[in-house]
Amino acid sequence: AEPGEDVVSDLVAAQREDPSFTEDEMTRLAAGLLFAGHETTVNQ
């Protein structure tokens, strides 16, 4: 509804362009990025 200049907005846009990019794939990918994007760096 309100895209921004961020990765999740980019993934939503990619979904519109590629019907084979499923909702399950997108949400799992986004969740994995959020998890890995902070957890390992915190420990490092």
PDB file of all heavy atoms in Angstrom:
ATOM      1  N   ALA A   1       0.818  -1.208   0.000  1.00  0.00           N
ATOM      2  CA  ALA A   1       0.000   0.000   0.000  1.00  0.00           C
ATOM      3  C   ALA A   1       0.854   1.262   0.000  1.00  0.00           C
ATOM      4  O   ALA A   1       0.512   2.255  -0.657  1.00  0.00           O
ATOM      5  CB  ALA A   1      -0.928   0.000   1.217  1.00  0.00           C
ATOM      6  N   GLU A   2       1.977   1.208   0.730  1.00  0.00           N
ATOM      7  CA  GLU A   2       2.849   2.375   0.855  1.00  0.00           C
ATOM      8  C   GLU A   2       4.307   1.946   0.726  1.00  0.00           C
ATOM      9  O   GLU A   2       5.020   1.821   1.725  1.00  0.00           O
ATOM     10  CB  GLU A   2       2.629   3.070   2.205  1.00  0.00           C
ATOM     11  CG  GLU A   2       1.212   3.579   2.420  1.00  0.00           C
ATOM     12  CD  GLU A   2       1.060   4.257   3.773  1.00  0.00           C
ATOM     13  OE1 GLU A   2       2.102   4.629   4.374  1.00  0.00           O
ATOM     14  OE2 GLU A   2      -0.079   4.402   4.233  1.00  0.00           O
ATOM     15  N   PRO A   3       4.755   1.700  -0.511  1.00  0.00           N
ATOM     16  CA  PRO A   3       6.147   1.246  -0.700  1.00  0.00           C
ATOM     17  C   PRO A   3       7.147   2.320  -0.294  1.00  0.00           C
ATOM     18  O   PRO A   3       6.860   3.519  -0.377  1.00  0.00           O
ATOM     19  CB  PRO A   3       6.216   0.952  -2.201  1.00  0.00           C
ATOM     20  CG  PRO A   3       5.098   1.741  -2.808  1.00  0.00           C
ATOM     21  CD  PRO A   3       4.024   1.813  -1.783  1.00  0.00           C
ATOM     22  N   GLY A   4       8.301   1.868   0.151  1.00  0.00           N
ATOM     23  CA  GLY A   4       9.385   2.779   0.515  1.00  0.00           C
ATOM     24  C   GLY A   4      10.659   2.389  -0.208  1.00  0.00           C
ATOM     25  O   GLY A   4      10.653   1.512  -1.076  1.00  0.00           O
ATOM     26  N   GLU A   5      11.744   3.036   0.157  1.00  0.00           N
ATOM     27  CA  GLU A   5      13.050   2.696  -0.418  1.00  0.00           C
ATOM     28  C   GLU A   5      13.733   1.698   0.510  1.00  0.00           C
ATOM     29  O   GLU A   5      14.643   2.053   1.265  1.00  0.00           O
ATOM     30  CB  GLU A   5      13.891   3.964  -0.597  1.00  0.00           C
ATOM     31  CG  GLU A   5      13.319   4.928  -1.627  1.00  0.00           C
ATOM     32  CD  GLU A   5      14.234   6.109  -1.882  1.00  0.00           C
ATOM     33  OE1 GLU A   5      15.365   6.102  -1.363  1.00  0.00           O
ATOM     34  OE2 GLU A   5      13.813   7.028  -2.589  1.00  0.00           O
ATOM     35  N   ASP A   6      13.272   0.474   0.466  1.00  0.00           N
ATOM     36  CA  ASP A   6      13.784  -0.558   1.364  1.00  0.00           C
ATOM     37  C   ASP A   6      13.653  -1.917   0.694  1.00  0.00           C
ATOM     38  O   ASP A   6      12.990  -2.069  -0.340  1.00  0.00           O
ATOM     39  CB  ASP A   6      13.042  -0.532   2.704  1.00  0.00           C
ATOM     40  CG  ASP A   6      11.531  -0.639   2.530  1.00  0.00           C
ATOM     41  OD1 ASP A   6      11.065  -1.710   2.114  1.00  0.00           O
ATOM     42  OD2 ASP A   6      10.820   0.353   2.808  1.00  0.00           O
ATOM     43  N   VAL A   7      14.281  -2.907   1.292  1.00  0.00           N
ATOM     44  CA  VAL A   7      14.360  -4.237   0.682  1.00  0.00           C
ATOM     45  C   VAL A   7      13.005  -4.936   0.638  1.00  0.00           C
ATOM     46  O   VAL A   7      12.672  -5.602  -0.350  1.00  0.00           O
ATOM     47  CB  VAL A   7      15.402  -5.100   1.424  1.00  0.00           C
ATOM     48  CG1 VAL A   7      15.376  -6.547   0.901  1.00  0.00           C
ATOM     49  CG2 VAL A   7      16.799  -4.518   1.253  1.00  0.00           C
ATOM     50  N   VAL A   8      12.196  -4.809   1.693  1.00  0.00           N
ATOM     51  CA  VAL A   8      10.890  -5.464   1.672  1.00  0.00           C
ATOM     52  C   VAL A   8      10.028  -4.885   0.552  1.00  0.00           C
ATOM     53  O   VAL A   8       9.321  -5.624  -0.154  1.00  0.00           O
ATOM     54  CB  VAL A   8      10.188  -5.357   3.032  1.00  0.00           C
ATOM     55  CG1 VAL A   8       8.769  -5.925   2.954  1.00  0.00           C
ATOM     56  CG2 VAL A   8      10.976  -6.116   4.106  1.00  0.00           C
ATOM     57  N   SER A   9      10.087  -3.578   0.343  1.00  0.00           N
ATOM     58  CA  SER A   9       9.366  -2.961  -0.783  1.00  0.00           C
ATOM     59  C   SER A   9       9.881  -3.510  -2.116  1.00  0.00           C
ATOM     60  O   SER A   9       9.100  -3.745  -3.050  1.00  0.00           O
ATOM     61  CB  SER A   9       9.516  -1.437  -0.751  1.00  0.00           C
ATOM     62  OG  SER A   9       8.887  -0.888   0.387  1.00  0.00           O
ATOM     63  N   ASP A  10      11.202  -3.728  -2.202  1.00  0.00           N
ATOM     64  CA  ASP A  10      11.785  -4.299  -3.419  1.00  0.00           C
ATOM     65  C   ASP A  10      11.275  -5.722  -3.654  1.00  0.00           C
ATOM     66  O   ASP A  10      10.991  -6.111  -4.798  1.00  0.00           O
ATOM     67  CB  ASP A  10      13.309  -4.322  -3.326  1.00  0.00           C
ATOM     68  CG  ASP A  10      13.925  -2.926  -3.348  1.00  0.00           C
ATOM     69  OD1 ASP A  10      13.216  -1.968  -3.713  1.00  0.00           O
ATOM     70  OD2 ASP A  10      15.112  -2.799  -2.984  1.00  0.00           O
ATOM     71  N   LEU A  11      11.148  -6.506  -2.569  1.00  0.00           N
ATOM     72  CA  LEU A  11      10.660  -7.881  -2.708  1.00  0.00           C
ATOM     73  C   LEU A  11       9.200  -7.892  -3.150  1.00  0.00           C
ATOM     74  O   LEU A  11       8.788  -8.727  -3.970  1.00  0.00           O
ATOM     75  CB  LEU A  11      10.824  -8.631  -1.382  1.00  0.00           C
ATOM     76  CG  LEU A  11      12.263  -8.900  -0.928  1.00  0.00           C
ATOM     77  CD1 LEU A  11      12.264  -9.574   0.438  1.00  0.00           C
ATOM     78  CD2 LEU A  11      13.014  -9.740  -1.937  1.00  0.00           C
ATOM     79  N   VAL A  12       8.401  -6.981  -2.607  1.00  0.00           N
ATOM     80  CA  VAL A  12       7.000  -6.878  -3.000  1.00  0.00           C
ATOM     81  C   VAL A  12       6.901  -6.521  -4.484  1.00  0.00           C
ATOM     82  O   VAL A  12       6.083  -7.081  -5.227  1.00  0.00           O
ATOM     83  CB  VAL A  12       6.282  -5.835  -2.125  1.00  0.00           C
ATOM     84  CG1 VAL A  12       4.922  -5.479  -2.710  1.00  0.00           C
ATOM     85  CG2 VAL A  12       6.122  -6.363  -0.702  1.00  0.00           C
ATOM     86  N   ALA A  13       7.734  -5.583  -4.928  1.00  0.00           N
ATOM     87  CA  ALA A  13       7.740  -5.201  -6.344  1.00  0.00           C
ATOM     88  C   ALA A  13       8.156  -6.379  -7.222  1.00  0.00           C
ATOM     89  O   ALA A  13       7.590  -6.599  -8.303  1.00  0.00           O
ATOM     90  CB  ALA A  13       8.680  -4.019  -6.561  1.00  0.00           C
ATOM     91  N   ALA A  14       9.141  -7.158  -6.754  1.00  0.00           N
ATOM     92  CA  ALA A  14       9.591  -8.321  -7.522  1.00  0.00           C
ATOM     93  C   ALA A  14       8.482  -9.359  -7.640  1.00  0.00           C
ATOM     94  O   ALA A  14       8.358 -10.042  -8.662  1.00  0.00           O
ATOM     95  CB  ALA A  14      10.823  -8.932  -6.861  1.00  0.00           C
ATOM     96  N   GLN A  15       7.677  -9.475  -6.589  1.00  0.00           N
ATOM     97  CA  GLN A  15       6.548 -10.413  -6.631  1.00  0.00           C
ATOM     98  C   GLN A  15       5.544 -10.043  -7.712  1.00  0.00           C
ATOM     99  O   GLN A  15       5.004 -10.909  -8.394  1.00  0.00           O
ATOM    100  CB  GLN A  15       5.837 -10.404  -5.275  1.00  0.00           C
ATOM    101  CG  GLN A  15       5.982 -11.680  -4.492  1.00  0.00           C
ATOM    102  CD  GLN A  15       5.055 -11.701  -3.307  1.00  0.00           C
ATOM    103  OE1 GLN A  15       4.737 -10.680  -2.704  1.00  0.00           O
ATOM    104  NE2 GLN A  15       4.613 -12.888  -2.952  1.00  0.00           N
ATOM    105  N   ARG A  16       5.299  -8.742  -7.866  1.00  0.00           N
ATOM    106  CA  ARG A  16       4.362  -8.298  -8.890  1.00  0.00           C
ATOM    107  C   ARG A  16       4.855  -8.651 -10.289  1.00  0.00           C
ATOM    108  O   ARG A  16       4.074  -8.971 -11.184  1.00  0.00           O
ATOM    109  CB  ARG A  16       4.135  -6.794  -8.787  1.00  0.00           C
ATOM    110  CG  ARG A  16       3.290  -6.351  -7.605  1.00  0.00           C
ATOM    111  CD  ARG A  16       2.791  -4.925  -7.783  1.00  0.00           C
ATOM    112  NE  ARG A  16       3.896  -3.983  -7.912  1.00  0.00           N
ATOM    113  CZ  ARG A  16       4.430  -3.315  -6.895  1.00  0.00           C
ATOM    114  NH1 ARG A  16       3.963  -3.519  -5.661  1.00  0.00           N
ATOM    115  NH2 ARG A  16       5.416  -2.467  -7.081  1.00  0.00           N
ATOM    116  N   GLU A  17       6.168  -8.601 -10.464  1.00  0.00           N
ATOM    117  CA  GLU A  17       6.754  -8.848 -11.778  1.00  0.00           C
ATOM    118  C   GLU A  17       6.956 -10.330 -12.064  1.00  0.00           C
ATOM    119  O   GLU A  17       7.096 -10.736 -13.218  1.00  0.00           O
ATOM    120  CB  GLU A  17       8.100  -8.119 -11.889  1.00  0.00           C
ATOM    121  CG  GLU A  17       7.982  -6.599 -11.782  1.00  0.00           C
ATOM    122  CD  GLU A  17       9.340  -5.920 -11.688  1.00  0.00           C
ATOM    123  OE1 GLU A  17      10.359  -6.640 -11.789  1.00  0.00           O
ATOM    124  OE2 GLU A  17       9.384  -4.690 -11.505  1.00  0.00           O
ATOM    125  N   ASP A  18       6.996 -11.141 -11.007  1.00  0.00           N
ATOM    126  CA  ASP A  18       7.290 -12.572 -11.175  1.00  0.00           C
ATOM    127  C   ASP A  18       6.276 -13.392 -10.379  1.00  0.00           C
ATOM    128  O   ASP A  18       6.460 -13.633  -9.183  1.00  0.00           O
ATOM    129  CB  ASP A  18       8.713 -12.863 -10.689  1.00  0.00           C
ATOM    130  CG  ASP A  18       9.102 -14.324 -10.878  1.00  0.00           C
ATOM    131  OD1 ASP A  18       8.271 -15.110 -11.379  1.00  0.00           O
ATOM    132  OD2 ASP A  18      10.243 -14.680 -10.515  1.00  0.00           O
ATOM    133  N   PRO A  19       5.196 -13.831 -11.011  1.00  0.00           N
ATOM    134  CA  PRO A  19       4.150 -14.588 -10.310  1.00  0.00           C
ATOM    135  C   PRO A  19       4.656 -15.873  -9.655  1.00  0.00           C
ATOM    136  O   PRO A  19       4.021 -16.391  -8.732  1.00  0.00           O
ATOM    137  CB  PRO A  19       3.127 -14.887 -11.411  1.00  0.00           C
ATOM    138  CG  PRO A  19       3.381 -13.862 -12.461  1.00  0.00           C
ATOM    139  CD  PRO A  19       4.858 -13.596 -12.426  1.00  0.00           C
ATOM    140  N   SER A  20       5.788 -16.400 -10.153  1.00  0.00           N
ATOM    141  CA  SER A  20       6.306 -17.638  -9.569  1.00  0.00           C
ATOM    142  C   SER A  20       6.989 -17.401  -8.226  1.00  0.00           C
ATOM    143  O   SER A  20       7.309 -18.350  -7.504  1.00  0.00           O
ATOM    144  CB  SER A  20       7.292 -18.304 -10.534  1.00  0.00           C
ATOM    145  OG  SER A  20       8.488 -17.534 -10.665  1.00  0.00           O
ATOM    146  N   PHE A  21       7.239 -16.128  -7.881  1.00  0.00           N
ATOM    147  CA  PHE A  21       7.843 -15.764  -6.586  1.00  0.00           C
ATOM    148  C   PHE A  21       6.713 -15.723  -5.560  1.00  0.00           C
ATOM    149  O   PHE A  21       6.020 -14.738  -5.399  1.00  0.00           O
ATOM    150  CB  PHE A  21       8.535 -14.409  -6.720  1.00  0.00           C
ATOM    151  CG  PHE A  21       9.322 -13.978  -5.501  1.00  0.00           C
ATOM    152  CD1 PHE A  21       9.790 -14.889  -4.571  1.00  0.00           C
ATOM    153  CD2 PHE A  21       9.595 -12.624  -5.299  1.00  0.00           C
ATOM    154  CE1 PHE A  21      10.503 -14.480  -3.449  1.00  0.00           C
ATOM    155  CE2 PHE A  21      10.309 -12.199  -4.195  1.00  0.00           C
ATOM    156  CZ  PHE A  21      10.766 -13.129  -3.268  1.00  0.00           C
ATOM    157  N   THR A  22       6.509 -16.824  -4.874  1.00  0.00           N
ATOM    158  CA  THR A  22       5.326 -17.003  -4.033  1.00  0.00           C
ATOM    159  C   THR A  22       5.410 -16.198  -2.735  1.00  0.00           C
ATOM    160  O   THR A  22       6.481 -15.756  -2.314  1.00  0.00           O
ATOM    161  CB  THR A  22       5.136 -18.481  -3.674  1.00  0.00           C
ATOM    162  OG1 THR A  22       6.211 -18.891  -2.810  1.00  0.00           O
ATOM    163  CG2 THR A  22       5.107 -19.356  -4.925  1.00  0.00           C
ATOM    164  N   GLU A  23       4.257 -16.058  -2.107  1.00  0.00           N
ATOM    165  CA  GLU A  23       4.182 -15.358  -0.821  1.00  0.00           C
ATOM    166  C   GLU A  23       5.013 -16.077   0.237  1.00  0.00           C
ATOM    167  O   GLU A  23       5.695 -15.464   1.044  1.00  0.00           O
ATOM    168  CB  GLU A  23       2.728 -15.253  -0.360  1.00  0.00           C
ATOM    169  CG  GLU A  23       2.510 -14.438   0.904  1.00  0.00           C
ATOM    170  CD  GLU A  23       2.652 -12.942   0.689  1.00  0.00           C
ATOM    171  OE1 GLU A  23       2.827 -12.512  -0.467  1.00  0.00           O
ATOM    172  OE2 GLU A  23       2.620 -12.193   1.683  1.00  0.00           O
ATOM    173  N   ASP A  24       4.956 -17.408   0.228  1.00  0.00           N
ATOM    174  CA  ASP A  24       5.725 -18.187   1.201  1.00  0.00           C
ATOM    175  C   ASP A  24       7.217 -17.955   1.009  1.00  0.00           C
ATOM    176  O   ASP A  24       7.954 -17.756   1.987  1.00  0.00           O
ATOM    177  CB  ASP A  24       5.405 -19.672   1.052  1.00  0.00           C
ATOM    178  CG  ASP A  24       6.157 -20.527   2.050  1.00  0.00           C
ATOM    179  OD1 ASP A  24       5.906 -20.370   3.263  1.00  0.00           O
ATOM    180  OD2 ASP A  24       7.009 -21.330   1.629  1.00  0.00           O
ATOM    181  N   GLU A  25       7.685 -17.968  -0.233  1.00  0.00           N
ATOM    182  CA  GLU A  25       9.098 -17.713  -0.503  1.00  0.00           C
ATOM    183  C   GLU A  25       9.499 -16.320  -0.040  1.00  0.00           C
ATOM    184  O   GLU A  25      10.551 -16.127   0.568  1.00  0.00           O
ATOM    185  CB  GLU A  25       9.386 -17.856  -1.994  1.00  0.00           C
ATOM    186  CG  GLU A  25       9.390 -19.266  -2.528  1.00  0.00           C
ATOM    187  CD  GLU A  25       9.678 -19.293  -4.015  1.00  0.00           C
ATOM    188  OE1 GLU A  25       8.940 -18.646  -4.777  1.00  0.00           O
ATOM    189  OE2 GLU A  25      10.661 -19.959  -4.408  1.00  0.00           O
ATOM    190  N   MET A  26       8.663 -15.347  -0.350  1.00  0.00           N
ATOM    191  CA  MET A  26       8.985 -13.963  -0.021  1.00  0.00           C
ATOM    192  C   MET A  26       9.055 -13.737   1.488  1.00  0.00           C
ATOM    193  O   MET A  26       9.991 -13.129   1.996  1.00  0.00           O
ATOM    194  CB  MET A  26       7.960 -13.019  -0.655  1.00  0.00           C
ATOM    195  CG  MET A  26       8.329 -11.541  -0.559  1.00  0.00           C
ATOM    196  SD  MET A  26       7.741 -10.781   0.966  1.00  0.00           S
ATOM    197  CE  MET A  26       5.978 -10.735   0.609  1.00  0.00           C
ATOM    198  N   THR A  27       8.083 -14.258   2.224  1.00  0.00           N
ATOM    199  CA  THR A  27       8.066 -14.017   3.664  1.00  0.00           C
ATOM    200  C   THR A  27       9.193 -14.770   4.364  1.00  0.00           C
ATOM    201  O   THR A  27       9.799 -14.259   5.306  1.00  0.00           O
ATOM    202  CB  THR A  27       6.710 -14.409   4.272  1.00  0.00           C
ATOM    203  OG1 THR A  27       6.397 -15.776   3.939  1.00  0.00           O
ATOM    204  CG2 THR A  27       5.608 -13.507   3.752  1.00  0.00           C
ATOM    205  N   ARG A  28       9.487 -15.972   3.890  1.00  0.00           N
ATOM    206  CA  ARG A  28      10.599 -16.720   4.488  1.00  0.00           C
ATOM    207  C   ARG A  28      11.940 -16.029   4.205  1.00  0.00           C
ATOM    208  O   ARG A  28      12.808 -15.958   5.070  1.00  0.00           O
ATOM    209  CB  ARG A  28      10.625 -18.157   3.969  1.00  0.00           C
ATOM    210  CG  ARG A  28       9.573 -19.049   4.595  1.00  0.00           C
ATOM    211  CD  ARG A  28       9.616 -20.461   4.022  1.00  0.00           C
ATOM    212  NE  ARG A  28       8.724 -21.353   4.731  1.00  0.00           N
ATOM    213  CZ  ARG A  28       9.055 -22.080   5.791  1.00  0.00           C
ATOM    214  NH1 ARG A  28      10.289 -22.015   6.255  1.00  0.00           N
ATOM    215  NH2 ARG A  28       8.182 -22.866   6.372  1.00  0.00           N
ATOM    216  N   LEU A  29      12.084 -15.520   2.987  1.00  0.00           N
ATOM    217  CA  LEU A  29      13.304 -14.806   2.636  1.00  0.00           C
ATOM    218  C   LEU A  29      13.450 -13.544   3.477  1.00  0.00           C
ATOM    219  O   LEU A  29      14.522 -13.269   4.021  1.00  0.00           O
ATOM    220  CB  LEU A  29      13.295 -14.457   1.149  1.00  0.00           C
ATOM    221  CG  LEU A  29      14.440 -13.595   0.620  1.00  0.00           C
ATOM    222  CD1 LEU A  29      15.789 -14.232   0.924  1.00  0.00           C
ATOM    223  CD2 LEU A  29      14.281 -13.369  -0.883  1.00  0.00           C
ATOM    224  N   ALA A  30      12.377 -12.775   3.614  1.00  0.00           N
ATOM    225  CA  ALA A  30      12.421 -11.539   4.389  1.00  0.00           C
ATOM    226  C   ALA A  30      12.723 -11.825   5.860  1.00  0.00           C
ATOM    227  O   ALA A  30      13.521 -11.127   6.493  1.00  0.00           O
ATOM    228  CB  ALA A  30      11.101 -10.788   4.252  1.00  0.00           C
ATOM    229  N   ALA A  31      12.086 -12.869   6.407  1.00  0.00           N
ATOM    230  CA  ALA A  31      12.339 -13.231   7.802  1.00  0.00           C
ATOM    231  C   ALA A  31      13.790 -13.685   7.990  1.00  0.00           C
ATOM    232  O   ALA A  31      14.437 -13.338   8.981  1.00  0.00           O
ATOM    233  CB  ALA A  31      11.378 -14.339   8.236  1.00  0.00           C
ATOM    234  N   GLY A  32      14.300 -14.445   7.033  1.00  0.00           N
ATOM    235  CA  GLY A  32      15.695 -14.894   7.114  1.00  0.00           C
ATOM    236  C   GLY A  32      16.666 -13.730   7.074  1.00  0.00           C
ATOM    237  O   GLY A  32      17.674 -13.723   7.791  1.00  0.00           O
ATOM    238  N   LEU A  33      16.372 -12.731   6.246  1.00  0.00           N
ATOM    239  CA  LEU A  33      17.237 -11.547   6.178  1.00  0.00           C
ATOM    240  C   LEU A  33      17.238 -10.787   7.487  1.00  0.00           C
ATOM    241  O   LEU A  33      18.284 -10.323   7.956  1.00  0.00           O
ATOM    242  CB  LEU A  33      16.771 -10.630   5.044  1.00  0.00           C
ATOM    243  CG  LEU A  33      17.038 -11.096   3.615  1.00  0.00           C
ATOM    244  CD1 LEU A  33      16.325 -10.174   2.626  1.00  0.00           C
ATOM    245  CD2 LEU A  33      18.539 -11.136   3.333  1.00  0.00           C
ATOM    246  N   LEU A  34      16.061 -10.646   8.093  1.00  0.00           N
ATOM    247  CA  LEU A  34      15.977  -9.910   9.357  1.00  0.00           C
ATOM    248  C   LEU A  34      16.698 -10.669  10.466  1.00  0.00           C
ATOM    249  O   LEU A  34      17.427 -10.064  11.268  1.00  0.00           O
ATOM    250  CB  LEU A  34      14.510  -9.681   9.726  1.00  0.00           C
ATOM    251  CG  LEU A  34      14.235  -8.846  10.978  1.00  0.00           C
ATOM    252  CD1 LEU A  34      14.960  -7.501  10.925  1.00  0.00           C
ATOM    253  CD2 LEU A  34      12.745  -8.633  11.162  1.00  0.00           C
ATOM    254  N   PHE A  35      16.529 -11.988  10.496  1.00  0.00           N
ATOM    255  CA  PHE A  35      17.205 -12.804  11.510  1.00  0.00           C
ATOM    256  C   PHE A  35      18.720 -12.749  11.324  1.00  0.00           C
ATOM    257  O   PHE A  35      19.460 -12.371  12.237  1.00  0.00           O
ATOM    258  CB  PHE A  35      16.721 -14.255  11.419  1.00  0.00           C
ATOM    259  CG  PHE A  35      17.489 -15.205  12.299  1.00  0.00           C
ATOM    260  CD1 PHE A  35      17.162 -15.346  13.631  1.00  0.00           C
ATOM    261  CD2 PHE A  35      18.545 -15.947  11.791  1.00  0.00           C
ATOM    262  CE1 PHE A  35      17.869 -16.209  14.463  1.00  0.00           C
ATOM    263  CE2 PHE A  35      19.260 -16.815  12.596  1.00  0.00           C
ATOM    264  CZ  PHE A  35      18.920 -16.950  13.941  1.00  0.00           C
ATOM    265  N   ALA A  36      19.185 -13.109  10.125  1.00  0.00           N
ATOM    266  CA  ALA A  36      20.628 -13.179   9.881  1.00  0.00           C
ATOM    267  C   ALA A  36      21.269 -11.801   9.876  1.00  0.00           C
ATOM    268  O   ALA A  36      22.448 -11.660  10.210  1.00  0.00           O
ATOM    269  CB  ALA A  36      20.896 -13.888   8.559  1.00  0.00           C
ATOM    270  N   GLY A  37      20.478 -10.774   9.513  1.00  0.00           N
ATOM    271  CA  GLY A  37      21.040  -9.437   9.389  1.00  0.00           C
ATOM    272  C   GLY A  37      21.390  -8.782  10.702  1.00  0.00           C
ATOM    273  O   GLY A  37      22.093  -7.769  10.713  1.00  0.00           O
ATOM    274  N   HIS A  38      20.904  -9.340  11.812  1.00  0.00           N
ATOM    275  CA  HIS A  38      21.312  -8.745  13.092  1.00  0.00           C
ATOM    276  C   HIS A  38      21.933  -9.771  14.039  1.00  0.00           C
ATOM    277  O   HIS A  38      22.891  -9.465  14.739  1.00  0.00           O
ATOM    278  CB  HIS A  38      20.130  -8.042  13.772  1.00  0.00           C
ATOM    279  CG  HIS A  38      19.175  -8.942  14.496  1.00  0.00           C
ATOM    280  ND1 HIS A  38      18.184  -9.645  13.860  1.00  0.00           N
ATOM    281  CD2 HIS A  38      19.057  -9.239  15.812  1.00  0.00           C
ATOM    282  CE1 HIS A  38      17.498 -10.333  14.753  1.00  0.00           C
ATOM    283  NE2 HIS A  38      18.013 -10.115  15.935  1.00  0.00           N
ATOM    284  N   GLU A  39      21.446 -11.008  14.036  1.00  0.00           N
ATOM    285  CA  GLU A  39      21.875 -11.969  15.043  1.00  0.00           C
ATOM    286  C   GLU A  39      23.372 -12.267  14.970  1.00  0.00           C
ATOM    287  O   GLU A  39      24.076 -12.228  15.987  1.00  0.00           O
ATOM    288  CB  GLU A  39      21.071 -13.261  14.883  1.00  0.00           C
ATOM    289  CG  GLU A  39      21.342 -14.309  15.939  1.00  0.00           C
ATOM    290  CD  GLU A  39      20.869 -13.918  17.326  1.00  0.00           C
ATOM    291  OE1 GLU A  39      19.837 -13.247  17.426  1.00  0.00           O
ATOM    292  OE2 GLU A  39      21.553 -14.289  18.305  1.00  0.00           O
ATOM    293  N   THR A  40      23.889 -12.554  13.795  1.00  0.00           N
ATOM    294  CA  THR A  40      25.307 -12.915  13.691  1.00  0.00           C
ATOM    295  C   THR A  40      26.215 -11.707  13.912  1.00  0.00           C
ATOM    296  O   THR A  40      27.303 -11.844  14.480  1.00  0.00           O
ATOM    297  CB  THR A  40      25.602 -13.542  12.319  1.00  0.00           C
ATOM    298  OG1 THR A  40      25.131 -12.671  11.288  1.00  0.00           O
ATOM    299  CG2 THR A  40      24.917 -14.885  12.168  1.00  0.00           C
ATOM    300  N   THR A  41      25.780 -10.512  13.481  1.00  0.00           N
ATOM    301  CA  THR A  41      26.614  -9.322  13.675  1.00  0.00           C
ATOM    302  C   THR A  41      26.680  -8.936  15.142  1.00  0.00           C
ATOM    303  O   THR A  41      27.721  -8.488  15.632  1.00  0.00           O
ATOM    304  CB  THR A  41      26.083  -8.149  12.828  1.00  0.00           C
ATOM    305  OG1 THR A  41      25.918  -8.588  11.481  1.00  0.00           O
ATOM    306  CG2 THR A  41      27.049  -6.980  12.854  1.00  0.00           C
ATOM    307  N   VAL A  42      25.569  -9.081  15.862  1.00  0.00           N
ATOM    308  CA  VAL A  42      25.569  -8.855  17.314  1.00  0.00           C
ATOM    309  C   VAL A  42      26.665  -9.705  17.959  1.00  0.00           C
ATOM    310  O   VAL A  42      27.493  -9.225  18.740  1.00  0.00           O
ATOM    311  CB  VAL A  42      24.201  -9.195  17.932  1.00  0.00           C
ATOM    312  CG1 VAL A  42      24.279  -9.218  19.460  1.00  0.00           C
ATOM    313  CG2 VAL A  42      23.138  -8.193  17.486  1.00  0.00           C
ATOM    314  N   ASN A  43      26.673 -10.995  17.633  1.00  0.00           N
ATOM    315  CA  ASN A  43      27.655 -11.900  18.225  1.00  0.00           C
ATOM    316  C   ASN A  43      29.072 -11.566  17.782  1.00  0.00           C
ATOM    317  O   ASN A  43      30.021 -11.680  18.566  1.00  0.00           O
ATOM    318  CB  ASN A  43      27.327 -13.344  17.850  1.00  0.00           C
ATOM    319  CG  ASN A  43      26.082 -13.845  18.549  1.00  0.00           C
ATOM    320  OD1 ASN A  43      25.702 -13.331  19.597  1.00  0.00           O
ATOM    321  ND2 ASN A  43      25.430 -14.817  17.969  1.00  0.00           N
ATOM    322  N   GLN A  44      29.228 -11.144  16.534  1.00  0.00           N
ATOM    323  CA  GLN A  44      30.570 -10.828  16.044  1.00  0.00           C
ATOM    324  C   GLN A  44      31.158  -9.623  16.770  1.00  0.00           C
ATOM    325  O   GLN A  44      32.356  -9.590  17.066  1.00  0.00           O
ATOM    326  CB  GLN A  44      30.530 -10.565  14.547  1.00  0.00           C
ATOM    327  CG  GLN A  44      31.896 -10.405  13.909  1.00  0.00           C
ATOM    328  CD  GLN A  44      32.744 -11.651  14.037  1.00  0.00           C
ATOM    329  OE1 GLN A  44      32.434 -12.682  13.463  1.00  0.00           O
ATOM    330  NE2 GLN A  44      33.823 -11.578  14.806  1.00  0.00           N
TER     331      GLN A  44
END
